[in-house]
Amino acid sequence: MTEPQSALLLRRQLAELNKNPVEGFSAGLIDDNDLYRWEVLIIGPPDTLYEGGVFKAHLTFPRDYPLRPPKMKFITDIWHPNVDKNGDQIPMETHLLMWMLQKSGGKTGMENSKGKSPVV
């Protein structure tokens, strides 16, 4: 049986994260037999309201990823305007994770289009 394209992409992306870790962020599979469910840990960036915090979340990728974005659910309590009281990301664009990792002028592969610091 041939592995779906989404699984191949997720396998490559996870390998890339392991090879070139992102400061303040780690990711791994919840179950080694399921590439579509990841657990992530986010360390609150310095000079933000989240400094010193460690936030655990689960990412669930759809089978047609990357055509549809993953769903993110925070396991750790967190206050953020884009996260509801159950830890689910409020539907918008799936950029919350990248915004949390980005400091003003930070290099995360996603630049702030208005040149302002993200609200986190």
N, C-alpha and C. Protein backbone atom coordinates (compact mmCIF):
# COMPACT_ATOMS: atom_id res chain seq x y z
N MET A 1 0.84 -1.18 0.00
CA MET A 1 0.00 0.00 0.00
C MET A 1 0.89 1.25 0.00
N THR A 2 0.58 2.19 -0.87
CA THR A 2 1.34 3.42 -0.99
C THR A 2 0.93 4.41 0.10
N GLU A 3 1.92 5.06 0.68
CA GLU A 3 1.64 6.06 1.72
C GLU A 3 1.07 7.32 1.08
N PRO A 4 0.01 7.90 1.66
CA PRO A 4 -0.57 9.13 1.10
C PRO A 4 0.46 10.27 1.08
N GLN A 5 0.28 11.20 0.14
CA GLN A 5 1.17 12.35 0.02
C GLN A 5 1.25 13.15 1.32
N SER A 6 0.10 13.27 2.00
CA SER A 6 0.10 14.03 3.25
C SER A 6 1.01 13.38 4.29
N ALA A 7 1.00 12.06 4.34
CA ALA A 7 1.86 11.35 5.30
C ALA A 7 3.34 11.54 4.95
N LEU A 8 3.65 11.49 3.65
CA LEU A 8 5.03 11.71 3.23
C LEU A 8 5.50 13.12 3.61
N LEU A 9 4.64 14.10 3.40
CA LEU A 9 4.98 15.48 3.75
C LEU A 9 5.17 15.63 5.26
N LEU A 10 4.26 15.07 6.04
CA LEU A 10 4.37 15.17 7.50
C LEU A 10 5.63 14.48 8.01
N ARG A 11 5.95 13.34 7.43
CA ARG A 11 7.18 12.62 7.83
C ARG A 11 8.41 13.50 7.55
N ARG A 12 8.43 14.16 6.38
CA ARG A 12 9.54 15.05 6.03
C ARG A 12 9.60 16.26 6.96
N GLN A 13 8.44 16.84 7.26
CA GLN A 13 8.42 18.02 8.12
C GLN A 13 8.87 17.69 9.54
N LEU A 14 8.45 16.55 10.05
CA LEU A 14 8.88 16.14 11.39
C LEU A 14 10.38 15.87 11.42
N ALA A 15 10.89 15.20 10.38
CA ALA A 15 12.33 14.95 10.30
C ALA A 15 13.11 16.26 10.24
N GLU A 16 12.59 17.24 9.50
CA GLU A 16 13.25 18.55 9.41
C GLU A 16 13.26 19.26 10.77
N LEU A 17 12.14 19.18 11.50
CA LEU A 17 12.10 19.78 12.85
C LEU A 17 13.10 19.12 13.78
N ASN A 18 13.27 17.81 13.65
CA ASN A 18 14.23 17.11 14.50
C ASN A 18 15.67 17.44 14.10
N LYS A 19 15.89 17.61 12.80
CA LYS A 19 17.23 17.92 12.30
C LYS A 19 17.61 19.37 12.59
N ASN A 20 16.66 20.28 12.44
CA ASN A 20 16.90 21.71 12.64
C ASN A 20 15.86 22.26 13.62
N PRO A 21 16.05 22.02 14.91
CA PRO A 21 15.05 22.44 15.90
C PRO A 21 14.84 23.95 15.90
N VAL A 22 13.62 24.34 16.23
CA VAL A 22 13.24 25.75 16.36
C VAL A 22 13.33 26.10 17.84
N GLU A 23 14.02 27.19 18.15
CA GLU A 23 14.16 27.60 19.55
C GLU A 23 12.79 27.84 20.18
N GLY A 24 12.59 27.26 21.36
CA GLY A 24 11.34 27.46 22.09
C GLY A 24 10.20 26.57 21.64
N PHE A 25 10.49 25.55 20.86
CA PHE A 25 9.44 24.72 20.29
C PHE A 25 9.96 23.31 20.08
N SER A 26 9.14 22.32 20.41
CA SER A 26 9.48 20.94 20.06
C SER A 26 8.21 20.23 19.65
N ALA A 27 8.37 19.21 18.83
CA ALA A 27 7.21 18.46 18.34
C ALA A 27 7.58 17.00 18.19
N GLY A 28 6.59 16.15 18.38
CA GLY A 28 6.76 14.72 18.19
C GLY A 28 5.40 14.08 18.02
N LEU A 29 5.41 12.83 17.64
CA LEU A 29 4.16 12.11 17.44
C LEU A 29 3.56 11.71 18.78
N ILE A 30 2.25 11.80 18.90
CA ILE A 30 1.55 11.31 20.09
C ILE A 30 1.63 9.79 20.12
N ASP A 31 1.45 9.18 18.96
CA ASP A 31 1.52 7.73 18.79
C ASP A 31 2.42 7.47 17.59
N ASP A 32 3.45 6.67 17.77
CA ASP A 32 4.41 6.41 16.69
C ASP A 32 3.78 5.84 15.43
N ASN A 33 2.57 5.31 15.54
CA ASN A 33 1.89 4.73 14.38
C ASN A 33 0.92 5.69 13.71
N ASP A 34 0.89 6.95 14.15
CA ASP A 34 -0.07 7.92 13.60
C ASP A 34 0.63 9.24 13.30
N LEU A 35 0.98 9.45 12.03
CA LEU A 35 1.66 10.68 11.61
C LEU A 35 0.76 11.91 11.67
N TYR A 36 -0.53 11.72 11.84
CA TYR A 36 -1.49 12.82 11.76
C TYR A 36 -1.80 13.45 13.12
N ARG A 37 -1.19 12.94 14.19
CA ARG A 37 -1.42 13.52 15.53
C ARG A 37 -0.08 13.80 16.19
N TRP A 38 0.18 15.09 16.41
CA TRP A 38 1.44 15.54 17.01
C TRP A 38 1.19 16.18 18.35
N GLU A 39 2.18 16.07 19.22
CA GLU A 39 2.19 16.83 20.46
C GLU A 39 3.30 17.86 20.34
N VAL A 40 2.98 19.11 20.67
CA VAL A 40 3.99 20.17 20.60
C VAL A 40 4.14 20.82 21.97
N LEU A 41 5.33 21.27 22.25
CA LEU A 41 5.62 22.06 23.45
C LEU A 41 6.15 23.40 22.98
N ILE A 42 5.57 24.45 23.53
CA ILE A 42 5.98 25.81 23.20
C ILE A 42 6.47 26.48 24.48
N ILE A 43 7.67 27.00 24.45
CA ILE A 43 8.22 27.75 25.58
C ILE A 43 7.87 29.21 25.34
N GLY A 44 7.26 29.85 26.34
CA GLY A 44 6.89 31.25 26.20
C GLY A 44 8.10 32.11 25.89
N PRO A 45 8.03 32.89 24.80
CA PRO A 45 9.17 33.71 24.40
C PRO A 45 9.49 34.79 25.43
N PRO A 46 10.77 35.15 25.56
CA PRO A 46 11.15 36.23 26.47
C PRO A 46 10.46 37.54 26.08
N ASP A 47 10.27 38.37 27.07
CA ASP A 47 9.69 39.70 26.87
C ASP A 47 8.26 39.66 26.32
N THR A 48 7.53 38.61 26.65
CA THR A 48 6.11 38.52 26.30
C THR A 48 5.35 38.14 27.56
N LEU A 49 4.04 38.19 27.49
CA LEU A 49 3.22 37.75 28.62
C LEU A 49 3.38 36.25 28.90
N TYR A 50 3.89 35.52 27.94
CA TYR A 50 4.04 34.07 28.06
C TYR A 50 5.42 33.64 28.54
N GLU A 51 6.31 34.60 28.81
CA GLU A 51 7.67 34.29 29.25
C GLU A 51 7.63 33.38 30.47
N GLY A 52 8.43 32.31 30.42
CA GLY A 52 8.50 31.37 31.53
C GLY A 52 7.46 30.27 31.47
N GLY A 53 6.50 30.39 30.58
CA GLY A 53 5.46 29.37 30.45
C GLY A 53 5.88 28.24 29.53
N VAL A 54 5.34 27.06 29.80
CA VAL A 54 5.52 25.91 28.92
C VAL A 54 4.12 25.44 28.56
N PHE A 55 3.82 25.45 27.28
CA PHE A 55 2.47 25.19 26.81
C PHE A 55 2.46 23.96 25.91
N LYS A 56 1.65 22.98 26.30
CA LYS A 56 1.51 21.75 25.53
C LYS A 56 0.25 21.86 24.68
N ALA A 57 0.36 21.42 23.43
CA ALA A 57 -0.79 21.42 22.53
C ALA A 57 -0.73 20.17 21.65
N HIS A 58 -1.88 19.80 21.13
CA HIS A 58 -1.97 18.71 20.17
C HIS A 58 -2.35 19.28 18.81
N LEU A 59 -1.68 18.82 17.78
CA LEU A 59 -2.02 19.17 16.40
C LEU A 59 -2.60 17.93 15.75
N THR A 60 -3.75 18.09 15.12
CA THR A 60 -4.37 17.00 14.36
C THR A 60 -4.43 17.44 12.91
N PHE A 61 -3.72 16.72 12.07
CA PHE A 61 -3.65 17.06 10.65
C PHE A 61 -4.72 16.29 9.88
N PRO A 62 -5.40 16.97 8.95
CA PRO A 62 -6.39 16.27 8.12
C PRO A 62 -5.68 15.40 7.08
N ARG A 63 -6.36 14.41 6.56
CA ARG A 63 -5.76 13.52 5.56
C ARG A 63 -5.41 14.25 4.27
N ASP A 64 -6.08 15.38 4.01
CA ASP A 64 -5.76 16.14 2.80
C ASP A 64 -4.82 17.31 3.08
N TYR A 65 -4.08 17.23 4.19
CA TYR A 65 -3.04 18.23 4.49
C TYR A 65 -2.04 18.23 3.34
N PRO A 66 -1.59 19.33 2.85
CA PRO A 66 -1.68 20.70 3.33
C PRO A 66 -2.82 21.51 2.72
N LEU A 67 -3.73 20.86 2.01
CA LEU A 67 -4.84 21.61 1.43
C LEU A 67 -5.73 22.22 2.51
N ARG A 68 -5.83 21.53 3.64
CA ARG A 68 -6.54 22.06 4.81
C ARG A 68 -5.55 22.09 5.96
N PRO A 69 -5.66 23.09 6.85
CA PRO A 69 -4.69 23.23 7.94
C PRO A 69 -4.98 22.26 9.09
N PRO A 70 -3.98 22.04 9.95
CA PRO A 70 -4.21 21.21 11.13
C PRO A 70 -5.09 21.94 12.14
N LYS A 71 -5.69 21.17 13.04
CA LYS A 71 -6.42 21.75 14.17
C LYS A 71 -5.49 21.69 15.36
N MET A 72 -5.54 22.74 16.16
CA MET A 72 -4.66 22.83 17.32
C MET A 72 -5.50 22.94 18.57
N LYS A 73 -5.15 22.13 19.57
CA LYS A 73 -5.85 22.17 20.86
C LYS A 73 -4.79 22.27 21.95
N PHE A 74 -4.88 23.33 22.75
CA PHE A 74 -3.96 23.46 23.87
C PHE A 74 -4.39 22.54 25.00
N ILE A 75 -3.45 21.78 25.53
CA ILE A 75 -3.69 20.90 26.66
C ILE A 75 -3.45 21.69 27.95
N THR A 76 -2.43 22.54 27.92
CA THR A 76 -2.12 23.43 29.04
C THR A 76 -3.06 24.63 28.97
N ASP A 77 -3.55 25.08 30.12
CA ASP A 77 -4.37 26.29 30.14
C ASP A 77 -3.54 27.46 29.62
N ILE A 78 -4.16 28.25 28.76
CA ILE A 78 -3.49 29.42 28.20
C ILE A 78 -4.56 30.46 27.92
N TRP A 79 -4.21 31.72 28.16
CA TRP A 79 -5.12 32.79 27.77
C TRP A 79 -4.59 33.40 26.50
N HIS A 80 -5.41 33.36 25.48
CA HIS A 80 -5.08 33.98 24.20
C HIS A 80 -6.39 34.27 23.50
N PRO A 81 -6.52 35.42 22.85
CA PRO A 81 -7.79 35.76 22.21
C PRO A 81 -8.21 34.80 21.10
N ASN A 82 -7.30 33.99 20.60
CA ASN A 82 -7.63 33.05 19.53
C ASN A 82 -7.79 31.62 20.04
N VAL A 83 -7.86 31.45 21.36
CA VAL A 83 -8.02 30.11 21.96
C VAL A 83 -9.22 30.16 22.89
N ASP A 84 -10.15 29.21 22.71
CA ASP A 84 -11.34 29.22 23.58
C ASP A 84 -11.03 28.56 24.92
N LYS A 85 -12.02 28.55 25.82
CA LYS A 85 -11.79 28.05 27.18
C LYS A 85 -11.49 26.55 27.22
N ASN A 86 -11.82 25.82 26.14
CA ASN A 86 -11.52 24.38 26.08
C ASN A 86 -10.14 24.10 25.50
N GLY A 87 -9.42 25.16 25.13
CA GLY A 87 -8.09 24.99 24.56
C GLY A 87 -8.08 24.86 23.05
N ASP A 88 -9.26 24.93 22.43
CA ASP A 88 -9.33 24.81 20.97
C ASP A 88 -9.04 26.16 20.33
N GLN A 89 -8.31 26.10 19.23
CA GLN A 89 -8.03 27.33 18.50
C GLN A 89 -9.32 27.80 17.85
N ILE A 90 -9.62 29.07 18.02
CA ILE A 90 -10.79 29.64 17.38
C ILE A 90 -10.50 29.72 15.89
N PRO A 91 -11.42 29.18 15.06
CA PRO A 91 -11.15 29.16 13.62
C PRO A 91 -10.83 30.55 13.08
N MET A 92 -9.74 30.64 12.42
CA MET A 92 -9.24 31.81 11.70
C MET A 92 -8.23 31.22 10.74
N GLU A 93 -7.13 31.87 10.62
CA GLU A 93 -6.03 31.27 9.91
C GLU A 93 -5.21 30.49 10.94
N THR A 94 -4.54 29.46 10.53
CA THR A 94 -3.76 28.67 11.48
C THR A 94 -2.35 29.22 11.58
N HIS A 95 -2.26 30.43 12.12
CA HIS A 95 -0.96 31.07 12.29
C HIS A 95 -0.61 31.27 13.76
N LEU A 96 -1.49 30.86 14.67
CA LEU A 96 -1.25 31.09 16.10
C LEU A 96 0.10 30.54 16.53
N LEU A 97 0.41 29.34 16.11
CA LEU A 97 1.66 28.72 16.51
C LEU A 97 2.85 29.56 16.07
N MET A 98 2.83 30.02 14.83
CA MET A 98 3.94 30.81 14.33
C MET A 98 4.02 32.16 15.04
N TRP A 99 2.88 32.77 15.33
CA TRP A 99 2.89 34.06 16.02
C TRP A 99 3.48 33.91 17.41
N MET A 100 3.18 32.80 18.08
CA MET A 100 3.71 32.61 19.44
C MET A 100 5.22 32.47 19.42
N LEU A 101 5.75 31.92 18.34
CA LEU A 101 7.19 31.71 18.26
C LEU A 101 7.93 32.96 17.82
N GLN A 102 7.21 33.90 17.22
CA GLN A 102 7.86 35.07 16.63
C GLN A 102 7.94 36.23 17.61
N LYS A 103 9.14 36.74 17.82
CA LYS A 103 9.32 38.01 18.52
C LYS A 103 9.35 39.07 17.44
N SER A 104 9.17 40.30 17.82
CA SER A 104 9.25 41.38 16.84
C SER A 104 10.60 41.31 16.14
N GLY A 105 10.57 41.19 14.82
CA GLY A 105 11.80 41.07 14.05
C GLY A 105 12.37 39.67 14.08
N GLY A 106 11.65 38.70 14.67
CA GLY A 106 12.13 37.33 14.77
C GLY A 106 12.15 36.63 13.43
N LYS A 107 12.92 35.58 13.34
CA LYS A 107 13.03 34.81 12.11
C LYS A 107 12.38 33.46 12.32
N THR A 108 11.15 33.32 11.87
CA THR A 108 10.47 32.04 12.00
C THR A 108 10.01 31.53 10.65
N GLY A 109 10.34 32.26 9.59
CA GLY A 109 9.84 31.88 8.28
C GLY A 109 8.53 32.56 7.96
N MET A 110 7.99 33.32 8.90
CA MET A 110 6.76 34.06 8.66
C MET A 110 6.96 35.46 9.20
N GLU A 111 7.08 36.42 8.34
CA GLU A 111 7.34 37.78 8.76
C GLU A 111 6.05 38.51 9.06
N ASN A 112 6.08 39.39 10.03
CA ASN A 112 4.94 40.20 10.39
C ASN A 112 4.75 41.25 9.30
N SER A 113 3.63 41.19 8.60
CA SER A 113 3.42 42.03 7.43
C SER A 113 3.29 43.51 7.76
N LYS A 114 2.89 43.87 8.95
CA LYS A 114 2.71 45.28 9.29
C LYS A 114 3.87 45.82 10.11
N GLY A 115 4.87 45.01 10.40
CA GLY A 115 6.03 45.48 11.15
C GLY A 115 5.75 45.72 12.62
N LYS A 116 4.66 45.18 13.14
CA LYS A 116 4.33 45.35 14.56
C LYS A 116 4.50 44.02 15.27
N SER A 117 4.67 44.08 16.56
CA SER A 117 4.77 42.85 17.34
C SER A 117 3.41 42.17 17.38
N PRO A 118 3.38 40.83 17.33
CA PRO A 118 2.11 40.12 17.45
C PRO A 118 1.54 40.27 18.85
N VAL A 119 0.24 40.16 18.95
CA VAL A 119 -0.43 40.23 20.26
C VAL A 119 -0.49 38.82 20.81
N VAL A 120 0.37 38.52 21.76
CA VAL A 120 0.35 37.21 22.43
C VAL A 120 0.49 37.39 23.91
